[in-house]
Structure formats: structure tokens, C-alpha cells
Amino acid sequence: MSGLLFPKGRPAALDRQAKKTARVSIDHAESAKAKARAHGQCEVTVIGEGRCLRRDTETHHLINGRLRGRGESAQAERKIRCCHRCHQAITQHLLQRVGEPMPHFQDRYRRVQ
């Protein structure tokens, strides 16, 4: 006991850091689930070509933007494991997702050219 009538509360910076640590921990755990689901193979399926046969090396968040890795975006169902080449094609909009408005890892892709 410090003897003060109104002791100082916990610093806000520590609260922010704890919240960020918890969020990052959840995101990493969900990425590990996605990696286990993929069994080491790229999960991108292109219509008319089939599933990519290359090894998965990256995790792609299907819900992009400012809130990537938070809330809905952090869930394993909203992430896809892919090879570097497919990840580049998705981010450069050479592959377009075909499916429901809410993205899911089982959605297929169509080549845009």
C-alpha cells in the first residue's frame, strides 16, 4: 500500500500493449490452423486449371485493409495459404476471387487478363 488516497492507475501504454499482444497471439494461432489445414500445399484453385501444386509459403488475409488480422480477418476461414507466385497474382489483381461476398478459404479464383 502506497499510503496515497488515490494511487495511480495502470499506465495506458501497458493496457494497449497487452491488447496488441493478445490480438497478435490470436492471429498467429489462426494462421497456424490455416497452415495445418493446407498440408503444405498452396490452396489457390483457379477455375479451369485446378488447384496449384506448389508448396505454400505465405498466408494471405482474404479480408484486407486497415483491420487485417483483427476480428473476422484473423479467423483461419478468412485466410488462405498460398505459394509466392499465387500470392503475388492475388495482390496484383491478376487472380479474382469468385464466391460469396464474405470471403472463405474454399473460394475459387478466375484469371483476369
N, C-alpha and C. Protein backbone atom coordinates (compact mmCIF):
# COMPACT_ATOMS: atom_id res chain seq x y z
N MET A 1 0.85 -1.18 0.00
CA MET A 1 0.00 0.00 0.00
C MET A 1 0.89 1.23 0.00
N SER A 2 0.60 2.14 -0.87
CA SER A 2 1.45 3.30 -1.03
C SER A 2 1.13 4.42 -0.04
N GLY A 3 -0.02 4.38 0.63
CA GLY A 3 -0.39 5.43 1.55
C GLY A 3 -1.10 6.58 0.87
N LEU A 4 -1.25 6.55 -0.42
CA LEU A 4 -1.94 7.60 -1.16
C LEU A 4 -3.45 7.36 -1.13
N LEU A 5 -4.20 8.44 -1.06
CA LEU A 5 -5.65 8.31 -1.11
C LEU A 5 -6.12 7.82 -2.48
N PHE A 6 -5.47 8.32 -3.51
CA PHE A 6 -5.83 7.93 -4.87
C PHE A 6 -4.57 7.47 -5.60
N PRO A 7 -4.22 6.18 -5.45
CA PRO A 7 -3.00 5.70 -6.13
C PRO A 7 -3.17 5.75 -7.64
N LYS A 8 -2.07 5.88 -8.31
CA LYS A 8 -2.09 5.93 -9.77
C LYS A 8 -2.59 4.60 -10.32
N GLY A 9 -3.32 4.70 -11.42
CA GLY A 9 -3.78 3.50 -12.11
C GLY A 9 -2.69 2.95 -13.01
N ARG A 10 -3.02 1.87 -13.64
CA ARG A 10 -2.08 1.24 -14.57
C ARG A 10 -1.89 2.16 -15.78
N PRO A 11 -0.66 2.31 -16.26
CA PRO A 11 -0.42 3.17 -17.43
C PRO A 11 -1.17 2.65 -18.67
N ALA A 12 -1.73 3.56 -19.43
CA ALA A 12 -2.50 3.21 -20.63
C ALA A 12 -1.63 2.49 -21.66
N ALA A 13 -0.34 2.84 -21.70
CA ALA A 13 0.56 2.19 -22.66
C ALA A 13 0.65 0.68 -22.39
N LEU A 14 0.64 0.29 -21.12
CA LEU A 14 0.68 -1.14 -20.79
C LEU A 14 -0.61 -1.83 -21.21
N ASP A 15 -1.74 -1.16 -21.05
CA ASP A 15 -3.01 -1.73 -21.49
C ASP A 15 -3.04 -1.91 -23.01
N ARG A 16 -2.56 -0.91 -23.74
CA ARG A 16 -2.52 -1.00 -25.20
C ARG A 16 -1.61 -2.14 -25.65
N GLN A 17 -0.45 -2.27 -25.00
CA GLN A 17 0.50 -3.33 -25.36
C GLN A 17 -0.08 -4.71 -25.09
N ALA A 18 -0.77 -4.87 -23.96
CA ALA A 18 -1.39 -6.15 -23.62
C ALA A 18 -2.47 -6.52 -24.64
N LYS A 19 -3.25 -5.53 -25.05
CA LYS A 19 -4.30 -5.76 -26.04
C LYS A 19 -3.70 -6.17 -27.39
N LYS A 20 -2.63 -5.50 -27.79
CA LYS A 20 -1.97 -5.83 -29.05
C LYS A 20 -1.36 -7.22 -29.00
N THR A 21 -0.73 -7.57 -27.88
CA THR A 21 -0.13 -8.89 -27.72
C THR A 21 -1.18 -9.98 -27.83
N ALA A 22 -2.34 -9.78 -27.20
CA ALA A 22 -3.43 -10.76 -27.28
C ALA A 22 -3.93 -10.89 -28.71
N ARG A 23 -4.09 -9.76 -29.42
CA ARG A 23 -4.58 -9.79 -30.79
C ARG A 23 -3.61 -10.52 -31.72
N VAL A 24 -2.32 -10.24 -31.57
CA VAL A 24 -1.30 -10.88 -32.40
C VAL A 24 -1.23 -12.38 -32.10
N SER A 25 -1.40 -12.74 -30.84
CA SER A 25 -1.39 -14.14 -30.45
C SER A 25 -2.53 -14.91 -31.11
N ILE A 26 -3.71 -14.31 -31.13
CA ILE A 26 -4.87 -14.94 -31.78
C ILE A 26 -4.61 -15.07 -33.28
N ASP A 27 -4.08 -14.03 -33.90
CA ASP A 27 -3.81 -14.05 -35.34
C ASP A 27 -2.81 -15.16 -35.68
N HIS A 28 -1.75 -15.31 -34.88
CA HIS A 28 -0.76 -16.35 -35.13
C HIS A 28 -1.35 -17.75 -34.94
N ALA A 29 -2.19 -17.92 -33.92
CA ALA A 29 -2.83 -19.22 -33.68
C ALA A 29 -3.74 -19.60 -34.86
N GLU A 30 -4.49 -18.63 -35.37
CA GLU A 30 -5.37 -18.89 -36.51
C GLU A 30 -4.57 -19.16 -37.78
N SER A 31 -3.44 -18.48 -37.95
CA SER A 31 -2.57 -18.75 -39.10
C SER A 31 -2.00 -20.17 -39.02
N ALA A 32 -1.70 -20.62 -37.81
CA ALA A 32 -1.21 -21.99 -37.63
C ALA A 32 -2.28 -23.01 -38.02
N LYS A 33 -3.55 -22.70 -37.70
CA LYS A 33 -4.65 -23.59 -38.11
C LYS A 33 -4.75 -23.66 -39.63
N ALA A 34 -4.61 -22.51 -40.29
CA ALA A 34 -4.68 -22.47 -41.75
C ALA A 34 -3.52 -23.26 -42.35
N LYS A 35 -2.34 -23.14 -41.75
CA LYS A 35 -1.17 -23.86 -42.25
C LYS A 35 -1.36 -25.37 -42.11
N ALA A 36 -1.91 -25.79 -40.98
CA ALA A 36 -2.18 -27.22 -40.77
C ALA A 36 -3.22 -27.73 -41.76
N ARG A 37 -4.22 -26.92 -42.04
CA ARG A 37 -5.29 -27.29 -42.97
C ARG A 37 -4.74 -27.50 -44.38
N ALA A 38 -3.76 -26.69 -44.79
CA ALA A 38 -3.24 -26.74 -46.16
C ALA A 38 -2.32 -27.93 -46.41
N HIS A 39 -1.79 -28.53 -45.38
CA HIS A 39 -0.86 -29.67 -45.51
C HIS A 39 0.32 -29.36 -46.41
N GLY A 40 0.79 -28.12 -46.37
CA GLY A 40 1.98 -27.75 -47.12
C GLY A 40 1.78 -27.45 -48.59
N GLN A 41 0.52 -27.44 -49.05
CA GLN A 41 0.25 -27.18 -50.47
C GLN A 41 -0.53 -25.88 -50.62
N CYS A 42 -0.23 -25.16 -51.66
CA CYS A 42 -0.95 -23.92 -51.99
C CYS A 42 -2.44 -24.24 -52.12
N GLU A 43 -3.29 -23.42 -51.51
CA GLU A 43 -4.73 -23.67 -51.51
C GLU A 43 -5.48 -22.95 -52.64
N VAL A 44 -4.78 -22.24 -53.50
CA VAL A 44 -5.43 -21.49 -54.56
C VAL A 44 -5.91 -22.46 -55.65
N THR A 45 -7.20 -22.35 -55.96
CA THR A 45 -7.80 -23.15 -57.03
C THR A 45 -8.29 -22.19 -58.10
N VAL A 46 -7.72 -22.32 -59.30
CA VAL A 46 -8.09 -21.47 -60.43
C VAL A 46 -9.09 -22.24 -61.28
N ILE A 47 -10.20 -21.59 -61.61
CA ILE A 47 -11.24 -22.24 -62.42
C ILE A 47 -10.66 -22.62 -63.77
N GLY A 48 -10.84 -23.88 -64.15
CA GLY A 48 -10.34 -24.39 -65.42
C GLY A 48 -8.92 -24.91 -65.34
N GLU A 49 -8.21 -24.64 -64.25
CA GLU A 49 -6.82 -25.10 -64.11
C GLU A 49 -6.64 -26.03 -62.93
N GLY A 50 -7.49 -25.95 -61.95
CA GLY A 50 -7.38 -26.78 -60.76
C GLY A 50 -6.55 -26.12 -59.67
N ARG A 51 -6.25 -26.91 -58.65
CA ARG A 51 -5.51 -26.40 -57.50
C ARG A 51 -4.02 -26.30 -57.82
N CYS A 52 -3.41 -25.24 -57.35
CA CYS A 52 -1.97 -25.04 -57.54
C CYS A 52 -1.21 -26.16 -56.85
N LEU A 53 -0.17 -26.65 -57.48
CA LEU A 53 0.60 -27.78 -56.94
C LEU A 53 1.85 -27.35 -56.19
N ARG A 54 2.12 -26.05 -56.12
CA ARG A 54 3.33 -25.59 -55.44
C ARG A 54 3.15 -25.62 -53.93
N ARG A 55 4.27 -25.53 -53.24
CA ARG A 55 4.29 -25.53 -51.78
C ARG A 55 3.81 -24.19 -51.24
N ASP A 56 3.04 -24.24 -50.15
CA ASP A 56 2.57 -22.99 -49.54
C ASP A 56 3.71 -22.34 -48.75
N THR A 57 3.86 -21.04 -48.93
CA THR A 57 4.92 -20.31 -48.24
C THR A 57 4.39 -19.09 -47.52
N GLU A 58 3.15 -18.66 -47.84
CA GLU A 58 2.64 -17.41 -47.29
C GLU A 58 1.17 -17.55 -46.90
N THR A 59 0.77 -16.72 -45.97
CA THR A 59 -0.63 -16.64 -45.57
C THR A 59 -1.22 -15.36 -46.14
N HIS A 60 -2.32 -15.49 -46.89
CA HIS A 60 -2.98 -14.33 -47.47
C HIS A 60 -4.28 -14.08 -46.70
N HIS A 61 -4.43 -12.86 -46.16
CA HIS A 61 -5.67 -12.46 -45.50
C HIS A 61 -6.69 -12.12 -46.57
N LEU A 62 -7.81 -12.81 -46.55
CA LEU A 62 -8.84 -12.57 -47.56
C LEU A 62 -9.60 -11.28 -47.30
N ILE A 63 -9.65 -10.85 -46.05
CA ILE A 63 -10.26 -9.56 -45.71
C ILE A 63 -9.10 -8.60 -45.50
N ASN A 64 -8.91 -7.71 -46.45
CA ASN A 64 -7.77 -6.80 -46.40
C ASN A 64 -8.15 -5.46 -45.80
N GLY A 65 -7.20 -4.58 -45.77
CA GLY A 65 -7.46 -3.23 -45.31
C GLY A 65 -6.86 -2.96 -43.94
N ARG A 66 -7.36 -1.94 -43.33
CA ARG A 66 -6.83 -1.45 -42.07
C ARG A 66 -6.98 -2.46 -40.93
N LEU A 67 -7.99 -3.31 -40.99
CA LEU A 67 -8.27 -4.24 -39.90
C LEU A 67 -7.77 -5.64 -40.16
N ARG A 68 -6.81 -5.80 -41.05
CA ARG A 68 -6.27 -7.11 -41.35
C ARG A 68 -5.70 -7.74 -40.08
N GLY A 69 -6.05 -8.98 -39.84
CA GLY A 69 -5.55 -9.69 -38.67
C GLY A 69 -6.33 -9.41 -37.40
N ARG A 70 -7.46 -8.72 -37.52
CA ARG A 70 -8.29 -8.40 -36.36
C ARG A 70 -9.71 -8.90 -36.60
N GLY A 71 -10.33 -9.37 -35.57
CA GLY A 71 -11.73 -9.80 -35.65
C GLY A 71 -11.93 -10.88 -36.69
N GLU A 72 -12.85 -10.64 -37.61
CA GLU A 72 -13.21 -11.61 -38.65
C GLU A 72 -12.01 -11.97 -39.54
N SER A 73 -11.16 -11.01 -39.80
CA SER A 73 -10.00 -11.22 -40.66
C SER A 73 -8.97 -12.17 -40.05
N ALA A 74 -8.96 -12.28 -38.75
CA ALA A 74 -7.98 -13.13 -38.07
C ALA A 74 -8.37 -14.61 -38.11
N GLN A 75 -9.60 -14.93 -38.43
CA GLN A 75 -10.06 -16.32 -38.42
C GLN A 75 -9.41 -17.13 -39.53
N ALA A 76 -9.15 -18.39 -39.24
CA ALA A 76 -8.50 -19.28 -40.21
C ALA A 76 -9.33 -19.43 -41.48
N GLU A 77 -10.65 -19.36 -41.37
CA GLU A 77 -11.52 -19.48 -42.54
C GLU A 77 -11.38 -18.29 -43.49
N ARG A 78 -10.85 -17.19 -42.98
CA ARG A 78 -10.68 -15.97 -43.78
C ARG A 78 -9.24 -15.77 -44.23
N LYS A 79 -8.46 -16.85 -44.16
CA LYS A 79 -7.06 -16.82 -44.61
C LYS A 79 -6.84 -17.98 -45.56
N ILE A 80 -5.95 -17.79 -46.50
CA ILE A 80 -5.61 -18.86 -47.44
C ILE A 80 -4.10 -19.00 -47.48
N ARG A 81 -3.64 -20.23 -47.45
CA ARG A 81 -2.20 -20.49 -47.57
C ARG A 81 -1.89 -20.62 -49.05
N CYS A 82 -0.86 -19.90 -49.50
CA CYS A 82 -0.55 -19.92 -50.91
C CYS A 82 0.95 -19.80 -51.15
N CYS A 83 1.34 -20.15 -52.36
CA CYS A 83 2.74 -20.00 -52.77
C CYS A 83 2.99 -18.53 -53.09
N HIS A 84 4.24 -18.18 -53.24
CA HIS A 84 4.59 -16.79 -53.52
C HIS A 84 3.99 -16.30 -54.84
N ARG A 85 4.01 -17.14 -55.85
CA ARG A 85 3.51 -16.76 -57.17
C ARG A 85 2.00 -16.48 -57.14
N CYS A 86 1.23 -17.33 -56.48
CA CYS A 86 -0.22 -17.12 -56.38
C CYS A 86 -0.52 -15.91 -55.50
N HIS A 87 0.25 -15.73 -54.44
CA HIS A 87 0.04 -14.58 -53.56
C HIS A 87 0.26 -13.27 -54.33
N GLN A 88 1.30 -13.23 -55.14
CA GLN A 88 1.56 -12.05 -55.96
C GLN A 88 0.42 -11.83 -56.95
N ALA A 89 -0.07 -12.90 -57.58
CA ALA A 89 -1.15 -12.78 -58.55
C ALA A 89 -2.43 -12.26 -57.90
N ILE A 90 -2.70 -12.69 -56.67
CA ILE A 90 -3.89 -12.23 -55.96
C ILE A 90 -3.75 -10.75 -55.59
N THR A 91 -2.62 -10.38 -55.03
CA THR A 91 -2.44 -9.00 -54.58
C THR A 91 -2.32 -8.02 -55.75
N GLN A 92 -1.87 -8.50 -56.91
CA GLN A 92 -1.78 -7.64 -58.09
C GLN A 92 -3.06 -7.70 -58.93
N HIS A 93 -4.08 -8.38 -58.40
CA HIS A 93 -5.40 -8.49 -59.04
C HIS A 93 -5.34 -9.20 -60.39
N LEU A 94 -4.40 -10.12 -60.54
CA LEU A 94 -4.35 -10.98 -61.74
C LEU A 94 -5.25 -12.19 -61.55
N LEU A 95 -5.53 -12.53 -60.29
CA LEU A 95 -6.50 -13.57 -59.94
C LEU A 95 -7.62 -12.89 -59.17
N GLN A 96 -8.87 -13.17 -59.57
CA GLN A 96 -10.02 -12.58 -58.92
C GLN A 96 -10.81 -13.67 -58.22
N ARG A 97 -11.15 -13.43 -56.96
CA ARG A 97 -11.90 -14.40 -56.17
C ARG A 97 -13.33 -14.48 -56.68
N VAL A 98 -13.84 -15.72 -56.79
CA VAL A 98 -15.21 -15.96 -57.21
C VAL A 98 -15.90 -16.67 -56.06
N GLY A 99 -16.96 -16.09 -55.55
CA GLY A 99 -17.67 -16.71 -54.44
C GLY A 99 -18.61 -15.73 -53.78
N GLU A 100 -19.03 -16.07 -52.59
CA GLU A 100 -19.93 -15.24 -51.80
C GLU A 100 -19.26 -13.91 -51.45
N PRO A 101 -20.06 -12.92 -51.07
CA PRO A 101 -19.47 -11.63 -50.68
C PRO A 101 -18.47 -11.75 -49.52
N MET A 102 -18.76 -12.62 -48.55
CA MET A 102 -17.82 -12.82 -47.44
C MET A 102 -16.81 -13.89 -47.88
N PRO A 103 -15.53 -13.53 -47.99
CA PRO A 103 -14.54 -14.47 -48.49
C PRO A 103 -14.34 -15.68 -47.58
N HIS A 104 -14.00 -16.79 -48.19
CA HIS A 104 -13.78 -18.06 -47.49
C HIS A 104 -12.61 -18.75 -48.17
N PHE A 105 -11.87 -19.55 -47.43
CA PHE A 105 -10.67 -20.17 -47.99
C PHE A 105 -10.98 -21.14 -49.13
N GLN A 106 -12.21 -21.64 -49.22
CA GLN A 106 -12.56 -22.58 -50.28
C GLN A 106 -13.03 -21.90 -51.56
N ASP A 107 -13.07 -20.58 -51.57
CA ASP A 107 -13.46 -19.86 -52.78
C ASP A 107 -12.46 -20.16 -53.90
N ARG A 108 -12.94 -20.08 -55.13
CA ARG A 108 -12.09 -20.31 -56.29
C ARG A 108 -11.68 -18.97 -56.89
N TYR A 109 -10.75 -19.02 -57.81
CA TYR A 109 -10.23 -17.80 -58.45
C TYR A 109 -10.36 -17.91 -59.96
N ARG A 110 -10.44 -16.76 -60.60
CA ARG A 110 -10.53 -16.68 -62.06
C ARG A 110 -9.40 -15.77 -62.52
N ARG A 111 -8.71 -16.18 -63.59
CA ARG A 111 -7.64 -15.34 -64.15
C ARG A 111 -8.23 -14.11 -64.81
N VAL A 112 -7.59 -12.97 -64.60
CA VAL A 112 -8.03 -11.70 -65.19
C VAL A 112 -6.94 -11.28 -66.17
N GLN A 113 -7.26 -11.27 -67.46
CA GLN A 113 -6.26 -10.87 -68.47
C GLN A 113 -6.94 -10.31 -69.68
